[in-house]
Amino acid sequence: MGAVVSCIQSVFRTIGRAIMGVVNGIGSILMAIINGVIGVIDVIVGFLTCNYCGSRRGRMRRRSGGMGRRRHAGTTATI
């Protein structure tokens, strides 16, 4: 009798784990879709608010593009 109960418990435990795996997979798929939609909306809002087309950070990057740190190319004496 104890073996039958143990077998039934194992069957229910296996079914429960399978259902939880399916639920976990569905949740992961939904999270990926939601993250993708949020990413697209972030790009659209960033473009509409000039995040990519002239923000202060973008102007600073373009203005200092060629300056940077100076190299010491001509400071040594030629022999």
Protein backbone atom coordinates (compact mmCIF):
# COMPACT_ATOMS: atom_id res chain seq x y z
CA MET A 1 0.00 0.00 0.00
CA GLY A 2 2.84 2.38 0.81
CA ALA A 3 4.43 1.79 -2.59
CA VAL A 4 1.21 2.76 -4.36
CA VAL A 5 0.95 6.02 -2.39
CA SER A 6 4.60 6.79 -3.11
CA CYS A 7 4.06 6.13 -6.81
CA ILE A 8 1.00 8.41 -6.92
CA GLN A 9 2.92 11.14 -5.07
CA SER A 10 5.74 10.87 -7.60
CA VAL A 11 3.28 11.15 -10.49
CA PHE A 12 1.67 14.26 -9.03
CA ARG A 13 5.07 15.78 -8.24
CA THR A 14 6.17 15.17 -11.85
CA ILE A 15 2.97 16.68 -13.24
CA GLY A 16 3.41 19.72 -10.97
CA ARG A 17 6.99 20.23 -12.11
CA ALA A 18 5.95 19.93 -15.76
CA ILE A 19 3.20 22.52 -15.29
CA MET A 20 5.62 24.86 -13.49
CA GLY A 21 8.09 24.46 -16.35
CA VAL A 22 5.43 25.43 -18.88
CA VAL A 23 4.37 28.43 -16.76
CA ASN A 24 8.00 29.48 -16.38
CA GLY A 25 8.52 29.24 -20.15
CA ILE A 26 5.42 31.31 -20.87
CA GLY A 27 6.58 33.90 -18.33
CA SER A 28 10.01 34.10 -19.97
CA ILE A 29 8.48 34.56 -23.41
CA LEU A 30 6.19 37.32 -22.12
CA MET A 31 9.12 39.07 -20.42
CA ALA A 32 11.13 38.98 -23.66
CA ILE A 33 8.23 40.45 -25.62
CA ILE A 34 7.62 43.17 -23.02
CA ASN A 35 11.34 44.06 -22.89
CA GLY A 36 11.40 44.31 -26.68
CA VAL A 37 8.38 46.62 -26.73
CA ILE A 38 9.91 48.76 -23.99
CA GLY A 39 13.15 48.99 -25.96
CA VAL A 40 11.33 50.13 -29.11
CA ILE A 41 9.32 52.71 -27.15
CA ASP A 42 12.54 53.93 -25.51
CA VAL A 43 14.14 54.47 -28.91
CA ILE A 44 11.05 56.29 -30.23
CA VAL A 45 10.81 58.56 -27.16
CA GLY A 46 14.55 59.20 -27.27
CA PHE A 47 14.34 60.21 -30.92
CA LEU A 48 11.31 62.45 -30.38
CA THR A 49 13.01 64.21 -27.48
CA CYS A 50 16.23 64.62 -29.51
CA ASN A 51 18.11 62.15 -27.40
CA TYR A 52 19.84 60.88 -30.54
CA CYS A 53 19.69 63.95 -32.73
CA GLY A 54 21.20 66.86 -30.83
CA SER A 55 21.09 66.42 -27.09
CA ARG A 56 23.63 68.17 -24.95
CA ARG A 57 25.60 64.97 -24.57
CA GLY A 58 25.62 64.48 -28.35
CA ARG A 59 26.86 68.02 -29.00
CA MET A 60 29.66 67.61 -26.49
CA ARG A 61 30.74 64.41 -28.18
CA ARG A 62 30.79 65.99 -31.64
CA ARG A 63 32.55 69.16 -30.52
CA SER A 64 35.42 67.34 -28.82
CA GLY A 65 35.69 64.61 -31.43
CA GLY A 66 39.12 65.52 -32.78
CA MET A 67 40.68 67.09 -29.72
CA GLY A 68 41.09 64.39 -27.13
CA ARG A 69 44.43 63.80 -25.40
CA ARG A 70 47.41 65.10 -27.29
CA ARG A 71 50.09 62.67 -28.35
CA HIS A 72 53.74 63.49 -27.86
CA ALA A 73 54.73 62.70 -31.42
CA GLY A 74 57.10 65.59 -32.15
CA THR A 75 58.59 66.28 -28.75
CA THR A 76 61.70 64.10 -28.98
CA ALA A 77 64.80 65.42 -30.68
CA THR A 78 65.80 63.91 -33.97
CA ILE A 79 69.36 62.59 -34.03
